[in-house]
Protein backbone atom coordinates (compact mmCIF):
# COMPACT_ATOMS: atom_id res chain seq x y z
CA MET A 1 368.33 -43.72 88.78
CA SER A 2 365.02 -41.95 89.50
CA SER A 3 362.22 -43.85 91.18
CA ARG A 4 358.78 -43.90 89.59
CA GLN A 5 356.04 -41.91 91.28
CA PRO A 6 353.14 -43.98 92.64
CA PRO A 7 349.87 -43.74 90.68
CA PRO A 8 347.40 -41.11 91.94
CA LEU A 9 344.69 -42.11 94.41
CA VAL A 10 341.16 -42.43 93.06
CA THR A 11 338.17 -41.95 95.37
CA ILE A 12 334.90 -43.80 94.64
CA GLY A 13 331.67 -42.63 96.28
CA ILE A 14 328.84 -45.15 96.70
CA PRO A 15 325.71 -43.76 98.38
CA THR A 16 323.14 -46.40 99.31
CA TYR A 17 319.73 -46.68 100.94
CA LYS A 18 317.56 -49.76 101.55
CA ARG A 19 319.12 -51.88 98.79
CA PRO A 20 321.41 -54.44 100.46
CA ASP A 21 320.58 -57.01 97.80
CA LEU A 22 322.10 -54.84 95.06
CA LEU A 23 325.12 -53.36 96.85
CA PRO A 24 327.37 -56.48 96.47
CA ARG A 25 327.27 -56.17 92.68
CA ALA A 26 328.71 -52.67 92.82
CA LEU A 27 331.40 -53.64 95.35
CA GLU A 28 332.39 -56.68 93.36
CA SER A 29 333.08 -54.50 90.31
CA VAL A 30 335.28 -52.26 92.45
CA ALA A 31 337.21 -55.28 93.74
CA LYS A 32 337.92 -56.35 90.13
CA GLN A 33 339.42 -53.01 89.04
CA THR A 34 342.84 -53.22 87.42
CA TYR A 35 343.70 -49.76 88.80
CA GLN A 36 345.15 -49.16 92.26
CA PRO A 37 345.18 -47.43 94.74
CA LEU A 38 341.50 -46.81 95.49
CA GLU A 39 339.69 -45.02 98.30
CA VAL A 40 336.10 -46.24 98.50
CA TYR A 41 333.35 -44.67 100.63
CA VAL A 42 330.03 -46.45 101.07
CA VAL A 43 327.64 -43.99 102.71
CA ASP A 44 324.40 -45.41 104.06
CA ASP A 45 321.66 -42.79 104.20
CA GLY A 46 320.04 -44.12 107.35
CA THR A 47 318.91 -47.60 106.28
CA PRO A 48 317.31 -49.42 109.26
CA GLY A 49 319.44 -52.30 110.60
CA THR A 50 323.09 -53.26 110.03
CA GLU A 51 322.85 -55.33 106.85
CA ASN A 52 324.72 -52.80 104.69
CA GLU A 53 327.55 -52.55 107.20
CA LYS A 54 327.94 -56.35 107.28
CA ILE A 55 328.14 -56.42 103.46
CA VAL A 56 330.86 -53.76 103.43
CA ASP A 57 332.84 -55.59 106.14
CA ALA A 58 332.77 -58.76 103.99
CA PHE A 59 334.43 -56.85 101.12
CA LYS A 60 337.23 -55.15 103.12
CA LYS A 61 339.69 -57.95 102.37
CA LYS A 62 339.03 -57.57 98.64
CA ILE A 63 339.06 -53.75 98.74
CA PRO A 64 341.76 -52.46 101.15
CA GLY A 65 340.67 -48.80 100.98
CA LEU A 66 337.00 -49.51 101.73
CA THR A 67 335.26 -47.39 104.40
CA PHE A 68 331.66 -47.51 105.63
CA TYR A 69 329.81 -44.50 107.02
CA LYS A 70 326.17 -44.30 108.06
CA ASN A 71 324.18 -41.09 108.39
CA PRO A 72 322.61 -40.83 111.85
CA LYS A 73 319.29 -40.18 110.06
CA ASN A 74 317.98 -40.10 106.52
CA LEU A 75 319.34 -36.87 104.99
CA GLY A 76 318.02 -37.34 101.48
CA PHE A 77 319.66 -37.51 98.07
CA ALA A 78 321.29 -34.10 97.82
CA LYS A 79 322.79 -33.76 101.30
CA THR A 80 324.18 -37.30 101.18
CA TYR A 81 325.83 -36.71 97.80
CA PHE A 82 327.24 -33.27 98.60
CA ASN A 83 328.61 -34.47 101.94
CA LEU A 84 330.18 -37.53 100.38
CA VAL A 85 332.10 -35.43 97.83
CA GLU A 86 333.77 -33.52 100.67
CA ARG A 87 335.18 -36.77 102.09
CA ALA A 88 337.24 -37.46 98.97
CA THR A 89 341.02 -37.15 99.38
CA GLY A 90 342.13 -38.74 96.10
CA GLU A 91 343.36 -36.82 93.06
CA PHE A 92 340.38 -38.19 91.10
CA PHE A 93 336.78 -38.85 92.09
CA MET A 94 333.85 -40.81 90.65
CA TRP A 95 330.36 -41.95 91.57
CA LEU A 96 329.21 -45.56 91.52
CA ALA A 97 325.48 -46.21 92.06
CA ASP A 98 324.77 -48.99 94.54
CA ASP A 99 322.92 -50.99 91.88
CA ASP A 100 325.40 -50.52 89.00
CA GLU A 101 328.79 -51.91 88.03
CA MET A 102 331.76 -51.06 85.83
CA SER A 103 334.19 -53.04 83.70
CA PRO A 104 337.58 -53.96 85.32
CA THR A 105 339.52 -51.42 83.20
CA TYR A 106 337.05 -48.54 83.68
CA ILE A 107 339.10 -46.43 86.13
CA GLU A 108 342.41 -47.28 84.50
CA ALA A 109 341.22 -46.02 81.11
CA ALA A 110 339.75 -42.81 82.59
CA VAL A 111 342.86 -41.94 84.62
CA GLU A 112 345.17 -42.50 81.65
CA THR A 113 343.04 -40.10 79.60
CA LEU A 114 342.94 -37.39 82.29
CA GLN A 115 346.73 -37.56 82.60
CA MET A 116 346.96 -36.97 78.84
CA TYR A 117 344.54 -34.00 78.82
CA SER A 118 345.53 -31.55 81.53
CA GLU A 119 342.79 -29.11 80.50
CA ALA A 120 340.05 -31.71 81.10
CA VAL A 121 338.16 -31.88 84.40
CA SER A 122 336.35 -35.15 83.59
CA ALA A 123 336.79 -38.29 81.50
CA THR A 124 333.61 -40.06 80.46
CA LEU A 125 333.21 -43.58 79.05
CA SER A 126 330.55 -45.64 77.29
CA GLN A 127 327.46 -46.55 79.24
CA ASN A 128 325.44 -49.72 78.80
CA LEU A 129 321.79 -49.41 79.76
CA MET A 130 321.14 -52.94 80.98
CA PHE A 131 317.42 -52.28 81.52
CA ARG A 132 317.02 -51.32 77.83
CA GLY A 133 319.72 -53.35 76.11
CA LEU A 134 321.41 -50.22 74.72
CA SER A 135 325.02 -49.02 74.56
CA ILE A 136 325.50 -45.23 74.70
CA PHE A 137 328.52 -43.51 73.20
CA PRO A 138 330.33 -41.24 75.71
CA PRO A 139 329.44 -37.53 75.44
CA SER A 140 332.18 -35.02 74.59
CA TYR A 141 332.58 -31.40 75.74
CA MET A 142 336.00 -30.54 74.34
CA GLU A 143 335.17 -27.00 73.14
CA ASP A 144 337.61 -24.28 74.24
CA SER A 145 334.74 -21.86 74.91
CA TRP A 146 332.85 -22.30 78.16
CA PHE A 147 329.71 -21.02 76.40
CA ARG A 148 329.88 -23.69 73.72
CA ARG A 149 330.37 -26.39 76.38
CA LEU A 150 327.37 -25.20 78.35
CA PHE A 151 325.29 -24.74 75.20
CA SER A 152 325.99 -28.35 74.22
CA PHE A 153 325.24 -29.51 77.75
CA VAL A 154 321.88 -27.78 78.04
CA ILE A 155 320.66 -28.61 74.55
CA LEU A 156 322.06 -32.16 74.26
CA ASP A 157 322.47 -33.44 77.80
CA CYS A 158 319.58 -31.88 79.73
CA PHE A 159 317.29 -32.53 76.77
CA ARG A 160 318.24 -36.19 76.73
CA ASP A 161 318.15 -36.60 80.51
CA PHE A 162 314.68 -35.13 81.03
CA TRP A 163 312.83 -36.04 77.90
CA VAL A 164 314.62 -38.96 76.21
CA SER A 165 316.01 -40.58 79.42
CA ARG A 166 319.56 -41.07 78.19
CA PRO A 167 322.58 -40.86 80.49
CA SER A 168 325.15 -38.09 80.74
CA PHE A 169 328.68 -37.75 82.11
CA TYR A 170 327.44 -38.15 85.65
CA PHE A 171 329.40 -41.36 86.20
CA SER A 172 332.64 -40.00 84.78
CA VAL A 173 335.99 -39.90 86.55
CA ASN A 174 336.73 -36.31 87.64
CA ARG A 175 339.55 -34.23 89.05
CA THR A 176 338.65 -34.04 92.73
CA THR A 177 339.59 -30.39 93.32
CA SER A 178 337.49 -29.24 90.38
CA TYR A 179 334.62 -31.52 91.33
CA GLN A 180 334.58 -30.34 94.95
CA GLN A 181 334.65 -26.72 93.82
CA ALA A 182 331.72 -27.34 91.47
CA SER A 183 329.89 -29.33 94.15
CA ARG A 184 330.08 -26.50 96.70
CA LYS A 185 328.64 -23.96 94.24
CA ALA A 186 325.96 -26.41 93.12
CA ALA A 187 324.95 -27.12 96.73
CA GLU A 188 324.59 -23.40 97.43
CA ARG A 189 322.33 -22.99 94.43
CA TYR A 190 320.36 -26.17 95.05
CA PHE A 191 319.39 -25.43 98.65
CA ARG A 192 318.15 -21.98 97.65
CA CYS A 193 315.49 -23.53 95.43
CA PRO A 194 312.08 -23.95 97.09
CA LEU A 195 311.44 -27.13 95.06
CA LYS A 196 314.19 -29.73 95.10
CA PRO A 197 313.71 -32.59 92.66
CA GLU A 198 316.65 -34.99 92.61
CA CYS A 199 317.76 -34.32 89.03
CA ILE A 200 318.23 -30.56 89.36
CA ALA A 201 321.10 -31.00 91.88
CA ASP A 202 322.89 -33.06 89.27
CA ILE A 203 322.28 -30.38 86.60
CA PHE A 204 323.68 -27.65 88.85
CA LEU A 205 326.79 -29.70 89.59
CA ARG A 206 327.52 -30.60 85.97
CA SER A 207 326.95 -27.07 84.72
CA GLU A 208 329.40 -25.73 87.33
CA LEU A 209 331.93 -28.39 86.35
CA LEU A 210 331.73 -27.42 82.67
CA LEU A 211 332.56 -23.82 83.61
CA LEU A 212 335.87 -25.10 85.00
CA GLY A 213 337.09 -27.23 82.07
CA LYS A 214 336.53 -29.80 79.36
CA VAL A 215 334.98 -33.26 79.47
CA VAL A 216 336.92 -35.72 77.31
CA PRO A 217 335.44 -38.99 75.98
CA VAL A 218 337.31 -42.27 76.42
CA ILE A 219 336.96 -44.65 73.48
CA ARG A 220 337.83 -48.16 74.64
CA LYS A 221 335.82 -51.30 73.97
CA ASP A 222 336.97 -52.92 77.21
CA ALA A 223 335.93 -49.99 79.46
CA ALA A 224 332.27 -49.21 80.14
CA TYR A 225 329.76 -48.39 82.85
CA TYR A 226 326.71 -50.64 83.32
CA LEU A 227 323.48 -48.94 84.43
CA TYR A 228 320.71 -50.98 86.02
CA ASP A 229 318.43 -47.97 86.35
CA GLY A 230 315.24 -49.95 86.31
CA THR A 231 315.35 -50.37 90.07
CA GLU A 232 313.62 -47.94 92.40
CA LYS A 233 315.76 -45.45 94.32
CA GLU A 234 314.49 -43.93 97.58
CA TYR A 235 316.71 -40.97 98.44
CA TYR A 236 314.11 -38.33 99.34
CA CYS A 237 313.55 -37.41 102.95
CA GLU A 238 311.53 -34.14 102.64
CA GLU A 239 309.03 -35.69 100.25
CA LYS A 240 307.93 -39.05 98.89
CA PRO A 241 310.08 -40.52 96.10
CA ILE A 242 308.65 -40.07 92.62
CA ALA A 243 307.40 -43.39 91.25
CA ARG A 244 308.97 -44.62 88.04
CA ASN A 245 305.64 -45.96 86.79
CA GLY A 246 302.89 -43.54 85.88
CA SER A 247 303.06 -40.65 83.44
CA PHE A 248 301.54 -38.19 85.92
CA GLN A 249 304.41 -38.49 88.41
CA LYS A 250 307.01 -38.29 85.65
CA HIS A 251 305.51 -35.14 84.12
CA ALA A 252 305.08 -33.61 87.58
CA SER A 253 308.81 -34.07 88.12
CA LYS A 254 309.59 -32.35 84.80
CA ILE A 255 307.33 -29.43 85.65
CA ARG A 256 309.03 -28.99 89.00
CA VAL A 257 312.42 -28.90 87.30
CA TYR A 258 311.11 -26.35 84.83
CA VAL A 259 309.83 -24.12 87.67
CA ASP A 260 313.22 -24.31 89.40
CA LEU A 261 315.00 -23.36 86.17
CA VAL A 262 312.69 -20.35 85.70
CA ARG A 263 313.41 -19.19 89.24
CA LEU A 264 317.13 -19.78 88.75
CA LEU A 265 317.17 -17.75 85.55
CA PHE A 266 315.51 -14.75 87.17
CA MET A 267 317.88 -15.00 90.13
CA HIS A 268 320.92 -14.81 87.85
CA VAL A 269 319.46 -12.04 85.70
CA ARG A 270 318.85 -10.01 88.86
CA GLN A 271 322.44 -10.56 89.95
CA ALA A 272 323.95 -10.15 86.50
CA TYR A 273 325.67 -6.84 87.03
CA ASP A 274 328.98 -8.33 85.99
CA TRP A 275 330.08 -10.72 83.25
CA GLY A 276 330.12 -13.68 85.65
CA GLY A 277 326.41 -13.32 86.39
CA ILE A 278 325.50 -12.99 82.72
CA LYS A 279 327.66 -16.00 81.91
CA ARG A 280 325.74 -18.19 84.33
CA ALA A 281 322.32 -16.94 83.24
CA LEU A 282 322.76 -17.66 79.52
CA PRO A 283 322.86 -21.51 79.54
CA PHE A 284 319.74 -21.74 81.69
CA GLY A 285 317.93 -19.33 79.36
CA ILE A 286 318.78 -21.69 76.51
CA GLY A 287 317.54 -24.57 78.61
CA LEU A 288 314.17 -22.86 79.11
CA LEU A 289 313.79 -22.47 75.36
CA ALA A 290 314.48 -26.18 74.88
CA THR A 291 311.99 -27.28 77.56
CA PRO A 292 308.71 -26.86 75.66
CA ILE A 293 310.24 -28.60 72.63
CA GLY A 294 311.36 -31.42 74.91
CA MET A 295 307.91 -31.83 76.44
CA LEU A 296 306.36 -32.03 72.98
CA PHE A 297 308.97 -34.50 71.81
CA SER A 298 308.47 -36.64 74.91
CA SER A 299 304.71 -36.90 74.44
CA MET A 300 305.12 -37.67 70.71
CA ARG A 301 307.74 -40.32 71.54
CA GLN A 302 305.38 -42.02 74.02
CA GLN A 303 302.57 -42.05 71.46
CA VAL A 304 304.79 -43.47 68.72
CA PHE A 305 306.27 -46.19 70.89
CA GLY A 306 302.86 -46.96 72.35
CA ARG A 307 301.38 -47.44 68.92
CA ALA A 308 304.39 -49.50 67.83
CA ASN A 309 304.02 -51.77 70.84
CA GLY A 310 300.31 -52.11 70.16
CA LEU A 311 300.95 -53.08 66.52
CA SER A 312 303.61 -55.66 67.48
CA GLU A 313 301.27 -57.23 70.07
CA GLY A 314 298.51 -57.35 67.47
CA MET A 315 300.77 -59.04 64.95
CA GLN A 316 301.86 -61.62 67.52
CA LYS A 317 298.23 -62.42 68.38
CA ALA A 318 297.40 -62.70 64.66
CA LYS A 319 300.26 -65.18 64.16
CA LYS A 320 299.06 -67.32 67.06
CA THR A 321 295.52 -67.47 65.69
């Protein structure tokens, strides 16, 4: 009579900085997960005081695999994230933002799907944007061709992330070995860039991950990720965080990303003496073509919604009078 193998370990990374009032919500959702075993790292990026550590200590009875680590100083978004990935020892890895939460069956559904699809490196689920009242269907990158996966990613994902502000497969459950391999390559590329906006590190990482395999969607009504992205995040150390309010700061961030992508494209073209270099240059070339269209679409979208809001306010005032 053969004994059953224990379920694979899943590592959850939770970076946090100056938000002790929101961290308990994320940890509570981890404690309610139907899947076990879990390895959970809460990494504090140099928050003054010991409040975050006390919060984590209070959850250690509910979450047996919970570990707290505090950077000796504020390292910033990218270094904290890349370092945290290297700590993972589980077969699967996922991010959980310190102000978000997930349904109790989230990890269970993702792991079951990854065990069914050996060629997949990530399993992505539905995302509920709590700050907008929207539910987003999980993206799918199941094409056999790496080029088609990257083409879809640059046109659909980057376009939505920058200009339409819709989520991607960032909060998916991933195979740790593939994710760490992609993370190392992304870190090397990121720290070569003279300008380092937060979102471009994420783009580098996801593009590297798509070169390694497929991203499979998980369709389950009881499994979803809940984003509370309306709260301010302060992960920059080299520069001031970009404010969420104000069109100037938002467009400045987009321009910086565009400059980095231009530089990255030329770097890969210069090094493209073999097929591997050409392969990596193509998707970013496609992304550059989509950027001006995205900027135009973004400005048109703001004008349309601005006019719609103005009309609705006018109608409400007319009803009152």
